[in-house]
Amino acid sequence: GIATALNALARLVFTLDRDVVDAYPRAAAASARTLGRVGQRAHRAVPSLALLGLVIGVVLLAVSASWWR
């Protein structure tokens, strides 16, 4: 009857909400978690890599600032 049809519709809406609408926030959270783990492992493996990146960035900024004038 009508109750069965409404229950089926409610189940469909619930499934679509869970699997389609909520997929984007879950994917964003999973990718942020994965990138965090990758960053942690990379930082632990080579601690001086962050310092090297900082120095290269400062040098690039200084070169671009002197070139801008």
N, C-alpha and C. Protein backbone atom coordinates (compact mmCIF):
# COMPACT_ATOMS: atom_id res chain seq x y z
N GLY A 1 0.79 -1.17 0.00
CA GLY A 1 0.00 0.00 0.00
C GLY A 1 0.85 1.25 0.00
N ILE A 2 0.25 2.28 0.46
CA ILE A 2 0.91 3.59 0.47
C ILE A 2 2.06 3.64 1.48
N ALA A 3 1.92 2.92 2.58
CA ALA A 3 2.98 2.91 3.59
C ALA A 3 4.24 2.23 3.04
N THR A 4 4.06 1.17 2.28
CA THR A 4 5.19 0.47 1.69
C THR A 4 5.91 1.36 0.69
N ALA A 5 5.14 2.08 -0.11
CA ALA A 5 5.73 2.99 -1.10
C ALA A 5 6.48 4.12 -0.40
N LEU A 6 5.92 4.66 0.66
CA LEU A 6 6.60 5.73 1.40
C LEU A 6 7.87 5.23 2.07
N ASN A 7 7.83 4.01 2.61
CA ASN A 7 9.03 3.44 3.22
C ASN A 7 10.13 3.23 2.17
N ALA A 8 9.74 2.75 1.00
CA ALA A 8 10.71 2.54 -0.08
C ALA A 8 11.30 3.87 -0.52
N LEU A 9 10.47 4.90 -0.61
CA LEU A 9 10.94 6.24 -0.98
C LEU A 9 11.87 6.80 0.09
N ALA A 10 11.52 6.59 1.34
CA ALA A 10 12.37 7.07 2.44
C ALA A 10 13.72 6.37 2.42
N ARG A 11 13.72 5.05 2.16
CA ARG A 11 14.99 4.32 2.07
C ARG A 11 15.83 4.82 0.91
N LEU A 12 15.20 5.12 -0.21
CA LEU A 12 15.91 5.63 -1.38
C LEU A 12 16.52 7.00 -1.08
N VAL A 13 15.76 7.88 -0.45
CA VAL A 13 16.27 9.21 -0.10
C VAL A 13 17.42 9.09 0.89
N PHE A 14 17.30 8.22 1.87
CA PHE A 14 18.36 8.02 2.85
C PHE A 14 19.64 7.51 2.18
N THR A 15 19.48 6.53 1.30
CA THR A 15 20.64 5.95 0.60
C THR A 15 21.31 6.99 -0.28
N LEU A 16 20.54 7.76 -1.03
CA LEU A 16 21.12 8.80 -1.88
C LEU A 16 21.82 9.86 -1.05
N ASP A 17 21.22 10.23 0.07
CA ASP A 17 21.85 11.24 0.93
C ASP A 17 23.17 10.73 1.48
N ARG A 18 23.17 9.48 1.93
CA ARG A 18 24.39 8.91 2.51
C ARG A 18 25.47 8.68 1.46
N ASP A 19 25.10 8.15 0.31
CA ASP A 19 26.10 7.73 -0.68
C ASP A 19 26.49 8.83 -1.67
N VAL A 20 25.62 9.80 -1.89
CA VAL A 20 25.92 10.84 -2.88
C VAL A 20 26.27 12.16 -2.20
N VAL A 21 25.38 12.66 -1.39
CA VAL A 21 25.57 13.98 -0.79
C VAL A 21 26.72 13.96 0.23
N ASP A 22 26.76 12.93 1.05
CA ASP A 22 27.80 12.85 2.07
C ASP A 22 29.14 12.35 1.54
N ALA A 23 29.19 11.95 0.27
CA ALA A 23 30.44 11.44 -0.28
C ALA A 23 31.49 12.53 -0.39
N TYR A 24 31.09 13.74 -0.72
CA TYR A 24 32.06 14.84 -0.87
C TYR A 24 32.76 15.19 0.44
N PRO A 25 32.05 15.39 1.54
CA PRO A 25 32.77 15.66 2.80
C PRO A 25 33.63 14.47 3.25
N ARG A 26 33.14 13.25 3.03
CA ARG A 26 33.95 12.08 3.41
C ARG A 26 35.22 12.01 2.57
N ALA A 27 35.10 12.31 1.27
CA ALA A 27 36.28 12.29 0.40
C ALA A 27 37.27 13.38 0.79
N ALA A 28 36.75 14.56 1.13
CA ALA A 28 37.63 15.65 1.56
C ALA A 28 38.35 15.29 2.85
N ALA A 29 37.64 14.67 3.79
CA ALA A 29 38.26 14.27 5.05
C ALA A 29 39.31 13.18 4.83
N ALA A 30 39.00 12.23 3.96
CA ALA A 30 39.95 11.15 3.69
C ALA A 30 41.20 11.68 3.01
N SER A 31 41.02 12.60 2.07
CA SER A 31 42.20 13.14 1.38
C SER A 31 43.04 14.01 2.33
N ALA A 32 42.41 14.77 3.21
CA ALA A 32 43.15 15.56 4.18
C ALA A 32 43.92 14.66 5.14
N ARG A 33 43.29 13.57 5.56
CA ARG A 33 43.95 12.61 6.44
C ARG A 33 45.15 11.97 5.74
N THR A 34 44.97 11.60 4.47
CA THR A 34 46.06 10.97 3.72
C THR A 34 47.21 11.94 3.51
N LEU A 35 46.89 13.18 3.13
CA LEU A 35 47.94 14.18 2.94
C LEU A 35 48.67 14.48 4.25
N GLY A 36 47.95 14.47 5.35
CA GLY A 36 48.59 14.67 6.65
C GLY A 36 49.56 13.56 6.98
N ARG A 37 49.16 12.32 6.70
CA ARG A 37 50.06 11.19 6.95
C ARG A 37 51.29 11.26 6.07
N VAL A 38 51.09 11.60 4.80
CA VAL A 38 52.22 11.72 3.88
C VAL A 38 53.17 12.81 4.35
N GLY A 39 52.62 13.94 4.77
CA GLY A 39 53.45 15.03 5.28
C GLY A 39 54.21 14.64 6.53
N GLN A 40 53.55 13.91 7.42
CA GLN A 40 54.23 13.46 8.63
C GLN A 40 55.39 12.53 8.31
N ARG A 41 55.14 11.58 7.43
CA ARG A 41 56.20 10.62 7.08
C ARG A 41 57.34 11.31 6.37
N ALA A 42 57.03 12.23 5.48
CA ALA A 42 58.08 12.94 4.75
C ALA A 42 58.90 13.80 5.71
N HIS A 43 58.24 14.42 6.66
CA HIS A 43 58.95 15.28 7.60
C HIS A 43 59.84 14.45 8.53
N ARG A 44 59.32 13.29 8.96
CA ARG A 44 60.11 12.44 9.85
C ARG A 44 61.30 11.86 9.12
N ALA A 45 61.11 11.55 7.84
CA ALA A 45 62.18 10.91 7.09
C ALA A 45 63.35 11.88 6.86
N VAL A 46 63.03 13.11 6.46
CA VAL A 46 64.08 14.09 6.15
C VAL A 46 63.70 15.40 6.84
N PRO A 47 64.12 15.60 8.08
CA PRO A 47 63.74 16.82 8.79
C PRO A 47 64.28 18.09 8.14
N SER A 48 65.42 17.99 7.47
CA SER A 48 66.00 19.19 6.88
C SER A 48 65.30 19.60 5.59
N LEU A 49 64.39 18.75 5.10
CA LEU A 49 63.68 19.07 3.86
C LEU A 49 62.81 20.32 4.04
N ALA A 50 62.20 20.48 5.20
CA ALA A 50 61.38 21.66 5.46
C ALA A 50 62.25 22.92 5.49
N LEU A 51 63.39 22.82 6.11
CA LEU A 51 64.30 23.96 6.16
C LEU A 51 64.81 24.29 4.76
N LEU A 52 65.12 23.28 3.98
CA LEU A 52 65.57 23.50 2.61
C LEU A 52 64.48 24.18 1.78
N GLY A 53 63.24 23.75 1.94
CA GLY A 53 62.12 24.39 1.24
C GLY A 53 61.95 25.84 1.66
N LEU A 54 62.11 26.12 2.94
CA LEU A 54 62.00 27.48 3.44
C LEU A 54 63.10 28.37 2.85
N VAL A 55 64.33 27.86 2.83
CA VAL A 55 65.45 28.64 2.30
C VAL A 55 65.25 28.90 0.81
N ILE A 56 64.84 27.89 0.07
CA ILE A 56 64.59 28.08 -1.37
C ILE A 56 63.48 29.09 -1.59
N GLY A 57 62.44 29.04 -0.79
CA GLY A 57 61.35 30.00 -0.91
C GLY A 57 61.79 31.43 -0.63
N VAL A 58 62.61 31.61 0.40
CA VAL A 58 63.12 32.95 0.73
C VAL A 58 64.01 33.47 -0.38
N VAL A 59 64.86 32.60 -0.92
CA VAL A 59 65.73 33.02 -2.02
C VAL A 59 64.91 33.39 -3.25
N LEU A 60 63.90 32.60 -3.57
CA LEU A 60 63.04 32.92 -4.71
C LEU A 60 62.31 34.25 -4.51
N LEU A 61 61.84 34.49 -3.29
CA LEU A 61 61.18 35.77 -3.00
C LEU A 61 62.15 36.93 -3.14
N ALA A 62 63.38 36.77 -2.65
CA ALA A 62 64.36 37.84 -2.75
C ALA A 62 64.72 38.11 -4.21
N VAL A 63 64.90 37.07 -4.98
CA VAL A 63 65.22 37.24 -6.40
C VAL A 63 64.07 37.90 -7.14
N SER A 64 62.86 37.45 -6.87
CA SER A 64 61.71 38.03 -7.57
C SER A 64 61.47 39.47 -7.14
N ALA A 65 61.75 39.80 -5.87
CA ALA A 65 61.58 41.18 -5.41
C ALA A 65 62.62 42.10 -6.04
N SER A 66 63.84 41.63 -6.19
CA SER A 66 64.87 42.47 -6.80
C SER A 66 64.65 42.58 -8.30
N TRP A 67 64.08 41.56 -8.89
CA TRP A 67 63.80 41.57 -10.32
C TRP A 67 62.59 42.44 -10.64
N TRP A 68 61.67 42.57 -9.66
CA TRP A 68 60.43 43.32 -9.86
C TRP A 68 60.73 44.81 -10.04
N ARG A 69 61.74 45.31 -9.40
CA ARG A 69 62.07 46.74 -9.47
C ARG A 69 62.67 46.99 -10.77
